[in-house]
Amino acid sequence: MKSSIPDRLRDTLQLCSLCALLYLAFTRGALYNAGTLKVLAIWLIGVGGILFGKLFCSNLCPLGLVQEWIADRRKREYEIFSRWSLPDKSLRSIKYILLVLMFIDYGIFLANAVAAVILLSVLILGNMSFCKYLCPVNAASNIFRLTVMFMLVLMAHWGLAMGGIEVPLWGVVAAMSAAGYFLEIYTKKAEFNISLLHIHRDIHKCKECGKCVGACPYKVDITAVKRVVDIDCNLCGECVRECGNDALKVGICNTRPGQNRIRGVWFAPLVTLVLICIALWLLLR
């Protein structure tokens, strides 16, 4: 299954992102000077996140590709902290703090220090530790997936602005990050949104063998739900590939008979490619 067309498309998209990141790092000196790619990233993370879920994380993140390469070459993955244990919950706050710092000018030294820590975490820790604990893009994706919370904070900001109270952008991001972190560790779900894509489980076909849980990079307990709304799910499709009973699907569908119309592991990378094409057309027209 790893050599299927969707997997090749996903690998190609991630490799292109990695090449773009390296190009910016060695030719521009600072990633935030790349205005066009910044707009492209905001489109993919924001619009893509609200409508479809964590498409950037699963199909475009260059460091995610590096983590996968490292994981494929290890004999086994080491779980540093149990999922949703106290250390795990505490460390998840770091990515939200880094997201807020991105909107405060602390100079190039901080940017380089954060980049070094991130790189070390990817190379040494592996097993999605970077995504769970350090990635500000992951934090932003969670905020966009929590769409109702995101809109409520924006409405509060607009209300204060109309009342003559100016709140800086970093303050708005801080409010969203605090709410996002609270919802992540206490609800553990990304509900109350308009996301169209999910992992769906057919309870009639599922044998509850647990292979999907073992294949999931985040060890989400897929056998306990009909539709995966876990905050960590990034639609990578590893659980779907591992299932030998055709019980799992990715797509715009549900598990009731006669309503599984648009589904398949190919859907997420294809939607990502379409979003990229739309963004490039808007930028270049």
C-alpha atoms as a PDB file:
ATOM      1  CA  MET A   1       0.000   0.000   0.000  1.00  0.00           C
ATOM      2  CA  LYS A   2       2.924   2.339   0.618  1.00  0.00           C
ATOM      3  CA  SER A   3       3.601   2.463  -3.132  1.00  0.00           C
ATOM      4  CA  SER A   4       0.038   3.481  -4.016  1.00  0.00           C
ATOM      5  CA  ILE A   5      -0.666   6.649  -5.995  1.00  0.00           C
ATOM      6  CA  PRO A   6      -2.055   8.580  -2.966  1.00  0.00           C
ATOM      7  CA  ASP A   7       1.097   7.757  -0.973  1.00  0.00           C
ATOM      8  CA  ARG A   8       3.318   8.894  -3.818  1.00  0.00           C
ATOM      9  CA  LEU A   9       1.342  12.114  -4.166  1.00  0.00           C
ATOM     10  CA  ARG A  10       1.585  12.759  -0.425  1.00  0.00           C
ATOM     11  CA  ASP A  11       5.349  12.059  -0.401  1.00  0.00           C
ATOM     12  CA  THR A  12       5.839  14.336  -3.418  1.00  0.00           C
ATOM     13  CA  LEU A  13       3.941  17.206  -1.769  1.00  0.00           C
ATOM     14  CA  GLN A  14       5.973  16.858   1.435  1.00  0.00           C
ATOM     15  CA  LEU A  15       9.244  16.646  -0.513  1.00  0.00           C
ATOM     16  CA  CYS A  16       8.369  19.831  -2.414  1.00  0.00           C
ATOM     17  CA  SER A  17       7.685  21.557   0.922  1.00  0.00           C
ATOM     18  CA  LEU A  18      11.052  20.351   2.253  1.00  0.00           C
ATOM     19  CA  CYS A  19      12.845  21.700  -0.829  1.00  0.00           C
ATOM     20  CA  ALA A  20      11.044  25.054  -0.470  1.00  0.00           C
ATOM     21  CA  LEU A  21      12.019  25.231   3.222  1.00  0.00           C
ATOM     22  CA  LEU A  22      15.683  24.509   2.442  1.00  0.00           C
ATOM     23  CA  TYR A  23      15.654  27.062  -0.379  1.00  0.00           C
ATOM     24  CA  LEU A  24      14.344  29.765   1.944  1.00  0.00           C
ATOM     25  CA  ALA A  25      16.751  28.827   4.737  1.00  0.00           C
ATOM     26  CA  PHE A  26      19.840  29.085   2.536  1.00  0.00           C
ATOM     27  CA  THR A  27      18.878  31.914   0.170  1.00  0.00           C
ATOM     28  CA  ARG A  28      16.675  34.287   2.122  1.00  0.00           C
ATOM     29  CA  GLY A  29      18.170  34.069   5.596  1.00  0.00           C
ATOM     30  CA  ALA A  30      14.791  34.248   7.344  1.00  0.00           C
ATOM     31  CA  LEU A  31      11.659  32.274   6.617  1.00  0.00           C
ATOM     32  CA  TYR A  32       9.313  35.115   7.440  1.00  0.00           C
ATOM     33  CA  ASN A  33      10.624  37.180   4.502  1.00  0.00           C
ATOM     34  CA  ALA A  34       8.982  34.834   2.019  1.00  0.00           C
ATOM     35  CA  GLY A  35       5.711  36.710   1.594  1.00  0.00           C
ATOM     36  CA  THR A  36       4.234  34.553  -1.151  1.00  0.00           C
ATOM     37  CA  LEU A  37       4.830  31.275   0.656  1.00  0.00           C
ATOM     38  CA  LYS A  38       3.555  32.802   3.884  1.00  0.00           C
ATOM     39  CA  VAL A  39       0.244  33.635   2.186  1.00  0.00           C
ATOM     40  CA  LEU A  40       0.173  30.126   0.724  1.00  0.00           C
ATOM     41  CA  ALA A  41       0.770  28.570   4.154  1.00  0.00           C
ATOM     42  CA  ILE A  42      -1.942  30.706   5.784  1.00  0.00           C
ATOM     43  CA  TRP A  43      -4.387  29.612   3.081  1.00  0.00           C
ATOM     44  CA  LEU A  44      -3.567  25.932   3.488  1.00  0.00           C
ATOM     45  CA  ILE A  45      -3.479  25.928   7.283  1.00  0.00           C
ATOM     46  CA  GLY A  46      -6.409  28.299   7.808  1.00  0.00           C
ATOM     47  CA  VAL A  47      -8.890  27.623   5.034  1.00  0.00           C
ATOM     48  CA  GLY A  48      -7.798  24.011   4.667  1.00  0.00           C
ATOM     49  CA  GLY A  49      -7.934  23.482   8.423  1.00  0.00           C
ATOM     50  CA  ILE A  50     -11.418  24.917   8.850  1.00  0.00           C
ATOM     51  CA  LEU A  51     -12.948  23.072   5.902  1.00  0.00           C
ATOM     52  CA  PHE A  52     -11.051  19.798   5.864  1.00  0.00           C
ATOM     53  CA  GLY A  53      -8.822  19.293   8.928  1.00  0.00           C
ATOM     54  CA  LYS A  54      -5.060  18.992   9.334  1.00  0.00           C
ATOM     55  CA  LEU A  55      -4.213  18.627   5.657  1.00  0.00           C
ATOM     56  CA  PHE A  56      -0.996  20.615   6.022  1.00  0.00           C
ATOM     57  CA  CYS A  57       0.293  18.386   8.821  1.00  0.00           C
ATOM     58  CA  SER A  58      -0.340  15.129   6.992  1.00  0.00           C
ATOM     59  CA  ASN A  59       0.373  16.104   3.384  1.00  0.00           C
ATOM     60  CA  LEU A  60       2.709  19.099   3.318  1.00  0.00           C
ATOM     61  CA  CYS A  61       4.766  19.346   6.511  1.00  0.00           C
ATOM     62  CA  PRO A  62       8.441  18.838   5.542  1.00  0.00           C
ATOM     63  CA  LEU A  63       9.501  17.998   9.099  1.00  0.00           C
ATOM     64  CA  GLY A  64       6.716  15.420   9.245  1.00  0.00           C
ATOM     65  CA  LEU A  65       8.355  13.736   6.263  1.00  0.00           C
ATOM     66  CA  VAL A  66      11.715  13.739   8.085  1.00  0.00           C
ATOM     67  CA  GLN A  67      10.056  12.181  11.147  1.00  0.00           C
ATOM     68  CA  GLU A  68       8.594   9.437   8.961  1.00  0.00           C
ATOM     69  CA  TRP A  69      11.993   8.710   7.423  1.00  0.00           C
ATOM     70  CA  ILE A  70      13.521   8.410  10.882  1.00  0.00           C
ATOM     71  CA  ALA A  71      10.672   6.198  12.134  1.00  0.00           C
ATOM     72  CA  ASP A  72      11.009   3.877   9.121  1.00  0.00           C
ATOM     73  CA  ARG A  73      14.686   3.334   9.917  1.00  0.00           C
ATOM     74  CA  ARG A  74      14.271   2.630  13.611  1.00  0.00           C
ATOM     75  CA  LYS A  75      13.711  -0.870  14.897  1.00  0.00           C
ATOM     76  CA  ARG A  76      11.036   0.408  17.242  1.00  0.00           C
ATOM     77  CA  GLU A  77       9.440   3.641  18.421  1.00  0.00           C
ATOM     78  CA  TYR A  78       9.891   4.689  22.034  1.00  0.00           C
ATOM     79  CA  GLU A  79       6.921   6.228  23.798  1.00  0.00           C
ATOM     80  CA  ILE A  80       8.415   8.873  26.053  1.00  0.00           C
ATOM     81  CA  PHE A  81       5.191   9.788  27.838  1.00  0.00           C
ATOM     82  CA  SER A  82       1.858   8.000  27.912  1.00  0.00           C
ATOM     83  CA  ARG A  83      -0.793   9.754  25.865  1.00  0.00           C
ATOM     84  CA  TRP A  84      -2.782  12.233  27.968  1.00  0.00           C
ATOM     85  CA  SER A  85      -0.607  11.662  31.030  1.00  0.00           C
ATOM     86  CA  LEU A  86       0.285  14.742  33.102  1.00  0.00           C
ATOM     87  CA  PRO A  87       3.706  15.226  31.417  1.00  0.00           C
ATOM     88  CA  ASP A  88       2.111  14.787  27.987  1.00  0.00           C
ATOM     89  CA  LYS A  89      -0.585  17.365  28.742  1.00  0.00           C
ATOM     90  CA  SER A  90       1.946  19.805  30.182  1.00  0.00           C
ATOM     91  CA  LEU A  91       4.335  19.603  27.233  1.00  0.00           C
ATOM     92  CA  ARG A  92       1.520  20.211  24.753  1.00  0.00           C
ATOM     93  CA  SER A  93       1.410  23.813  25.991  1.00  0.00           C
ATOM     94  CA  ILE A  94       4.836  24.569  24.463  1.00  0.00           C
ATOM     95  CA  LYS A  95       3.578  24.682  20.878  1.00  0.00           C
ATOM     96  CA  TYR A  96       0.940  27.260  21.813  1.00  0.00           C
ATOM     97  CA  ILE A  97       3.551  29.390  23.564  1.00  0.00           C
ATOM     98  CA  LEU A  98       5.743  29.241  20.459  1.00  0.00           C
ATOM     99  CA  LEU A  99       2.764  30.235  18.309  1.00  0.00           C
ATOM    100  CA  VAL A 100       2.254  33.382  20.401  1.00  0.00           C
ATOM    101  CA  LEU A 101       5.976  34.188  20.276  1.00  0.00           C
ATOM    102  CA  MET A 102       5.826  34.124  16.483  1.00  0.00           C
ATOM    103  CA  PHE A 103       3.679  37.271  16.674  1.00  0.00           C
ATOM    104  CA  ILE A 104       6.071  39.089  19.033  1.00  0.00           C
ATOM    105  CA  ASP A 105       9.335  40.498  17.697  1.00  0.00           C
ATOM    106  CA  TYR A 106      12.065  38.816  19.703  1.00  0.00           C
ATOM    107  CA  GLY A 107      14.672  38.966  16.944  1.00  0.00           C
ATOM    108  CA  ILE A 108      16.469  36.415  14.812  1.00  0.00           C
ATOM    109  CA  PHE A 109      18.230  34.855  17.830  1.00  0.00           C
ATOM    110  CA  LEU A 110      14.981  33.428  19.199  1.00  0.00           C
ATOM    111  CA  ALA A 111      13.981  32.160  15.754  1.00  0.00           C
ATOM    112  CA  ASN A 112      17.300  30.334  15.351  1.00  0.00           C
ATOM    113  CA  ALA A 113      17.150  28.913  18.881  1.00  0.00           C
ATOM    114  CA  VAL A 114      13.632  27.560  18.337  1.00  0.00           C
ATOM    115  CA  ALA A 115      14.658  26.111  14.960  1.00  0.00           C
ATOM    116  CA  ALA A 116      17.586  24.310  16.613  1.00  0.00           C
ATOM    117  CA  VAL A 117      15.403  22.815  19.359  1.00  0.00           C
ATOM    118  CA  ILE A 118      12.824  21.701  16.798  1.00  0.00           C
ATOM    119  CA  LEU A 119      15.476  20.080  14.630  1.00  0.00           C
ATOM    120  CA  LEU A 120      16.968  18.206  17.582  1.00  0.00           C
ATOM    121  CA  SER A 121      13.556  16.988  18.707  1.00  0.00           C
ATOM    122  CA  VAL A 122      12.826  15.610  15.243  1.00  0.00           C
ATOM    123  CA  LEU A 123      16.179  13.865  14.921  1.00  0.00           C
ATOM    124  CA  ILE A 124      16.431  12.462  18.459  1.00  0.00           C
ATOM    125  CA  LEU A 125      12.909  11.944  19.777  1.00  0.00           C
ATOM    126  CA  GLY A 126      10.955  11.058  16.663  1.00  0.00           C
ATOM    127  CA  ASN A 127       7.539   9.424  17.353  1.00  0.00           C
ATOM    128  CA  MET A 128       5.612  12.666  16.644  1.00  0.00           C
ATOM    129  CA  SER A 129       7.076  14.460  19.680  1.00  0.00           C
ATOM    130  CA  PHE A 130       7.780  17.531  17.561  1.00  0.00           C
ATOM    131  CA  CYS A 131       4.181  17.673  16.319  1.00  0.00           C
ATOM    132  CA  LYS A 132       2.597  17.136  19.722  1.00  0.00           C
ATOM    133  CA  TYR A 133       4.808  19.406  21.783  1.00  0.00           C
ATOM    134  CA  LEU A 134       6.762  21.918  19.695  1.00  0.00           C
ATOM    135  CA  CYS A 135       5.087  22.653  16.366  1.00  0.00           C
ATOM    136  CA  PRO A 136       3.312  26.054  16.289  1.00  0.00           C
ATOM    137  CA  VAL A 137       1.686  25.048  12.989  1.00  0.00           C
ATOM    138  CA  ASN A 138       0.089  22.110  14.788  1.00  0.00           C
ATOM    139  CA  ALA A 139      -1.192  24.539  17.420  1.00  0.00           C
ATOM    140  CA  ALA A 140      -2.630  26.817  14.722  1.00  0.00           C
ATOM    141  CA  SER A 141      -4.237  23.823  13.006  1.00  0.00           C
ATOM    142  CA  ASN A 142      -5.901  22.831  16.284  1.00  0.00           C
ATOM    143  CA  ILE A 143      -7.240  26.366  16.725  1.00  0.00           C
ATOM    144  CA  PHE A 144      -8.729  26.398  13.223  1.00  0.00           C
ATOM    145  CA  ARG A 145     -10.248  22.939  13.767  1.00  0.00           C
ATOM    146  CA  LEU A 146     -11.915  24.279  16.911  1.00  0.00           C
ATOM    147  CA  THR A 147     -13.851  26.584  14.591  1.00  0.00           C
ATOM    148  CA  VAL A 148     -16.559  27.731  17.004  1.00  0.00           C
ATOM    149  CA  MET A 149     -13.957  28.752  19.602  1.00  0.00           C
ATOM    150  CA  PHE A 150     -11.889  30.485  16.905  1.00  0.00           C
ATOM    151  CA  MET A 151     -14.896  32.499  15.694  1.00  0.00           C
ATOM    152  CA  LEU A 152     -15.970  33.422  19.233  1.00  0.00           C
ATOM    153  CA  VAL A 153     -12.540  34.899  20.009  1.00  0.00           C
ATOM    154  CA  LEU A 154     -12.575  36.828  16.716  1.00  0.00           C
ATOM    155  CA  MET A 155     -16.043  38.191  17.475  1.00  0.00           C
ATOM    156  CA  ALA A 156     -14.896  39.252  20.951  1.00  0.00           C
ATOM    157  CA  HIS A 157     -11.897  41.025  19.380  1.00  0.00           C
ATOM    158  CA  TRP A 158     -14.128  42.851  16.904  1.00  0.00           C
ATOM    159  CA  GLY A 159     -16.528  43.811  19.705  1.00  0.00           C
ATOM    160  CA  LEU A 160     -13.698  45.301  21.763  1.00  0.00           C
ATOM    161  CA  ALA A 161     -12.379  47.160  18.711  1.00  0.00           C
ATOM    162  CA  MET A 162     -15.812  48.669  18.052  1.00  0.00           C
ATOM    163  CA  GLY A 163     -15.884  49.754  21.693  1.00  0.00           C
ATOM    164  CA  GLY A 164     -12.589  51.577  21.262  1.00  0.00           C
ATOM    165  CA  ILE A 165     -10.429  48.969  22.994  1.00  0.00           C
ATOM    166  CA  GLU A 166      -7.479  47.957  20.833  1.00  0.00           C
ATOM    167  CA  VAL A 167      -6.030  44.499  21.465  1.00  0.00           C
ATOM    168  CA  PRO A 168      -2.708  43.696  19.719  1.00  0.00           C
ATOM    169  CA  LEU A 169      -2.580  40.761  17.346  1.00  0.00           C
ATOM    170  CA  TRP A 170      -0.373  38.759  19.685  1.00  0.00           C
ATOM    171  CA  GLY A 171      -3.020  39.218  22.403  1.00  0.00           C
ATOM    172  CA  VAL A 172      -5.707  37.748  20.150  1.00  0.00           C
ATOM    173  CA  VAL A 173      -3.431  34.825  19.292  1.00  0.00           C
ATOM    174  CA  ALA A 174      -2.675  34.363  22.995  1.00  0.00           C
ATOM    175  CA  ALA A 175      -6.407  34.185  23.809  1.00  0.00           C
ATOM    176  CA  MET A 176      -6.975  31.643  21.038  1.00  0.00           C
ATOM    177  CA  SER A 177      -3.942  29.622  22.150  1.00  0.00           C
ATOM    178  CA  ALA A 178      -5.066  29.533  25.780  1.00  0.00           C
ATOM    179  CA  ALA A 179      -8.558  28.394  24.784  1.00  0.00           C
ATOM    180  CA  GLY A 180      -7.147  25.908  22.255  1.00  0.00           C
ATOM    181  CA  TYR A 181      -4.788  24.365  24.799  1.00  0.00           C
ATOM    182  CA  PHE A 182      -7.557  24.075  27.403  1.00  0.00           C
ATOM    183  CA  LEU A 183      -9.882  22.352  24.931  1.00  0.00           C
ATOM    184  CA  GLU A 184      -7.096  20.080  23.675  1.00  0.00           C
ATOM    185  CA  ILE A 185      -6.130  18.646  27.051  1.00  0.00           C
ATOM    186  CA  TYR A 186      -9.617  18.502  28.587  1.00  0.00           C
ATOM    187  CA  THR A 187     -11.892  17.511  25.697  1.00  0.00           C
ATOM    188  CA  LYS A 188      -9.228  15.835  23.526  1.00  0.00           C
ATOM    189  CA  LYS A 189     -11.559  16.380  20.568  1.00  0.00           C
ATOM    190  CA  ALA A 190     -12.007  18.786  17.664  1.00  0.00           C
ATOM    191  CA  GLU A 191     -15.773  19.114  17.669  1.00  0.00           C
ATOM    192  CA  PHE A 192     -18.135  22.031  16.934  1.00  0.00           C
ATOM    193  CA  ASN A 193     -16.615  22.750  13.545  1.00  0.00           C
ATOM    194  CA  ILE A 194     -17.499  22.514   9.855  1.00  0.00           C
ATOM    195  CA  SER A 195     -14.701  20.132   8.915  1.00  0.00           C
ATOM    196  CA  LEU A 196     -15.804  17.913   6.023  1.00  0.00           C
ATOM    197  CA  LEU A 197     -13.162  15.178   6.163  1.00  0.00           C
ATOM    198  CA  HIS A 198     -12.972  12.502   8.855  1.00  0.00           C
ATOM    199  CA  ILE A 199     -11.906   8.921   9.424  1.00  0.00           C
ATOM    200  CA  HIS A 200     -15.059   6.792   9.565  1.00  0.00           C
ATOM    201  CA  ARG A 201     -15.380   3.297  11.057  1.00  0.00           C
ATOM    202  CA  ASP A 202     -17.980   0.786   9.881  1.00  0.00           C
ATOM    203  CA  ILE A 203     -18.956  -0.982  13.105  1.00  0.00           C
ATOM    204  CA  HIS A 204     -20.408  -3.911  11.141  1.00  0.00           C
ATOM    205  CA  LYS A 205     -17.114  -4.655   9.378  1.00  0.00           C
ATOM    206  CA  CYS A 206     -14.748  -3.793  12.233  1.00  0.00           C
ATOM    207  CA  LYS A 207     -13.316  -6.796  14.121  1.00  0.00           C
ATOM    208  CA  GLU A 208     -11.745  -4.552  16.816  1.00  0.00           C
ATOM    209  CA  CYS A 209      -8.378  -6.197  16.218  1.00  0.00           C
ATOM    210  CA  GLY A 210      -6.516  -3.014  17.182  1.00  0.00           C
ATOM    211  CA  LYS A 211      -4.231  -2.917  14.136  1.00  0.00           C
ATOM    212  CA  CYS A 212      -5.456   0.573  13.279  1.00  0.00           C
ATOM    213  CA  VAL A 213      -4.493   1.853  16.740  1.00  0.00           C
ATOM    214  CA  GLY A 214      -1.019   0.366  16.373  1.00  0.00           C
ATOM    215  CA  ALA A 215      -0.603   2.002  12.956  1.00  0.00           C
ATOM    216  CA  CYS A 216      -1.763   5.447  14.099  1.00  0.00           C
ATOM    217  CA  PRO A 217       1.249   7.738  14.795  1.00  0.00           C
ATOM    218  CA  TYR A 218      -0.625   9.218  17.767  1.00  0.00           C
ATOM    219  CA  LYS A 219      -2.156   5.922  18.992  1.00  0.00           C
ATOM    220  CA  VAL A 220      -5.714   7.221  18.732  1.00  0.00           C
ATOM    221  CA  ASP A 221      -8.224   4.588  19.911  1.00  0.00           C
ATOM    222  CA  ILE A 222     -10.140   4.342  16.637  1.00  0.00           C
ATOM    223  CA  THR A 223     -11.967   1.160  17.686  1.00  0.00           C
ATOM    224  CA  ALA A 224     -13.924   3.130  20.304  1.00  0.00           C
ATOM    225  CA  VAL A 225     -15.641   5.562  17.908  1.00  0.00           C
ATOM    226  CA  LYS A 226     -17.632   5.640  14.687  1.00  0.00           C
ATOM    227  CA  ARG A 227     -16.132   8.920  13.496  1.00  0.00           C
ATOM    228  CA  VAL A 228     -12.665  10.076  14.555  1.00  0.00           C
ATOM    229  CA  VAL A 229     -12.738  13.627  15.923  1.00  0.00           C
ATOM    230  CA  ASP A 230      -9.629  13.255  18.081  1.00  0.00           C
ATOM    231  CA  ILE A 231      -7.631  16.491  18.252  1.00  0.00           C
ATOM    232  CA  ASP A 232      -4.448  14.670  17.153  1.00  0.00           C
ATOM    233  CA  CYS A 233      -5.893  13.051  14.009  1.00  0.00           C
ATOM    234  CA  ASN A 234      -4.301  14.565  10.900  1.00  0.00           C
ATOM    235  CA  LEU A 235      -5.940  12.310   8.271  1.00  0.00           C
ATOM    236  CA  CYS A 236      -2.670  10.606   7.376  1.00  0.00           C
ATOM    237  CA  GLY A 237      -4.603   7.435   6.533  1.00  0.00           C
ATOM    238  CA  GLU A 238      -2.199   4.995   8.185  1.00  0.00           C
ATOM    239  CA  CYS A 239      -5.075   3.349  10.057  1.00  0.00           C
ATOM    240  CA  VAL A 240      -7.045   2.926   6.814  1.00  0.00           C
ATOM    241  CA  ARG A 241      -4.092   1.272   5.091  1.00  0.00           C
ATOM    242  CA  GLU A 242      -3.556  -1.128   7.987  1.00  0.00           C
ATOM    243  CA  CYS A 243      -7.195  -2.224   8.258  1.00  0.00           C
ATOM    244  CA  GLY A 244      -7.701  -5.560   6.530  1.00  0.00           C
ATOM    245  CA  ASN A 245     -11.480  -5.576   6.886  1.00  0.00           C
ATOM    246  CA  ASP A 246     -12.314  -2.468   4.816  1.00  0.00           C
ATOM    247  CA  ALA A 247     -13.865  -0.999   7.962  1.00  0.00           C
ATOM    248  CA  LEU A 248     -12.147   2.407   7.828  1.00  0.00           C
ATOM    249  CA  LYS A 249     -12.535   5.162   5.263  1.00  0.00           C
ATOM    250  CA  VAL A 250     -11.352   8.755   4.843  1.00  0.00           C
ATOM    251  CA  GLY A 251     -13.741  11.201   3.290  1.00  0.00           C
ATOM    252  CA  ILE A 252     -16.978  13.124   3.248  1.00  0.00           C
ATOM    253  CA  CYS A 253     -19.239  10.353   4.419  1.00  0.00           C
ATOM    254  CA  ASN A 254     -20.661   8.519   7.393  1.00  0.00           C
ATOM    255  CA  THR A 255     -20.994   4.866   8.254  1.00  0.00           C
ATOM    256  CA  ARG A 256     -24.711   4.431   7.625  1.00  0.00           C
ATOM    257  CA  PRO A 257     -25.618   2.185   4.661  1.00  0.00           C
ATOM    258  CA  GLY A 258     -26.207   3.999   1.401  1.00  0.00           C
ATOM    259  CA  GLN A 259     -24.467   7.225   2.432  1.00  0.00           C
ATOM    260  CA  ASN A 260     -20.789   6.382   1.853  1.00  0.00           C
ATOM    261  CA  ARG A 261     -20.571   8.414  -1.336  1.00  0.00           C
ATOM    262  CA  ILE A 262     -17.221  10.190  -1.320  1.00  0.00           C
ATOM    263  CA  ARG A 263     -14.529   8.303   0.508  1.00  0.00           C
ATOM    264  CA  GLY A 264     -11.044   6.902   0.124  1.00  0.00           C
ATOM    265  CA  VAL A 265      -7.487   7.296   1.363  1.00  0.00           C
ATOM    266  CA  TRP A 266      -6.771   9.348  -1.770  1.00  0.00           C
ATOM    267  CA  PHE A 267      -9.130  12.141  -0.755  1.00  0.00           C
ATOM    268  CA  ALA A 268      -6.906  14.112   1.661  1.00  0.00           C
ATOM    269  CA  PRO A 269      -3.825  14.465  -0.605  1.00  0.00           C
ATOM    270  CA  LEU A 270      -6.060  15.256  -3.586  1.00  0.00           C
ATOM    271  CA  VAL A 271      -7.871  18.027  -1.673  1.00  0.00           C
ATOM    272  CA  THR A 272      -4.473  19.393  -0.587  1.00  0.00           C
ATOM    273  CA  LEU A 273      -3.303  19.535  -4.207  1.00  0.00           C
ATOM    274  CA  VAL A 274      -6.507  21.324  -5.256  1.00  0.00           C
ATOM    275  CA  LEU A 275      -6.069  23.909  -2.465  1.00  0.00           C
ATOM    276  CA  ILE A 276      -2.471  24.541  -3.575  1.00  0.00           C
ATOM    277  CA  CYS A 277      -3.605  25.082  -7.176  1.00  0.00           C
ATOM    278  CA  ILE A 278      -6.328  27.521  -6.050  1.00  0.00           C
ATOM    279  CA  ALA A 279      -3.860  29.445  -3.864  1.00  0.00           C
ATOM    280  CA  LEU A 280      -1.276  29.703  -6.646  1.00  0.00           C
ATOM    281  CA  TRP A 281      -3.943  30.889  -9.081  1.00  0.00           C
ATOM    282  CA  LEU A 282      -5.061  33.589  -6.639  1.00  0.00           C
ATOM    283  CA  LEU A 283      -1.464  34.698  -6.047  1.00  0.00           C
ATOM    284  CA  LEU A 284      -0.309  34.706  -9.670  1.00  0.00           C
ATOM    285  CA  ARG A 285      -3.332  36.011 -11.521  1.00  0.00           C
END
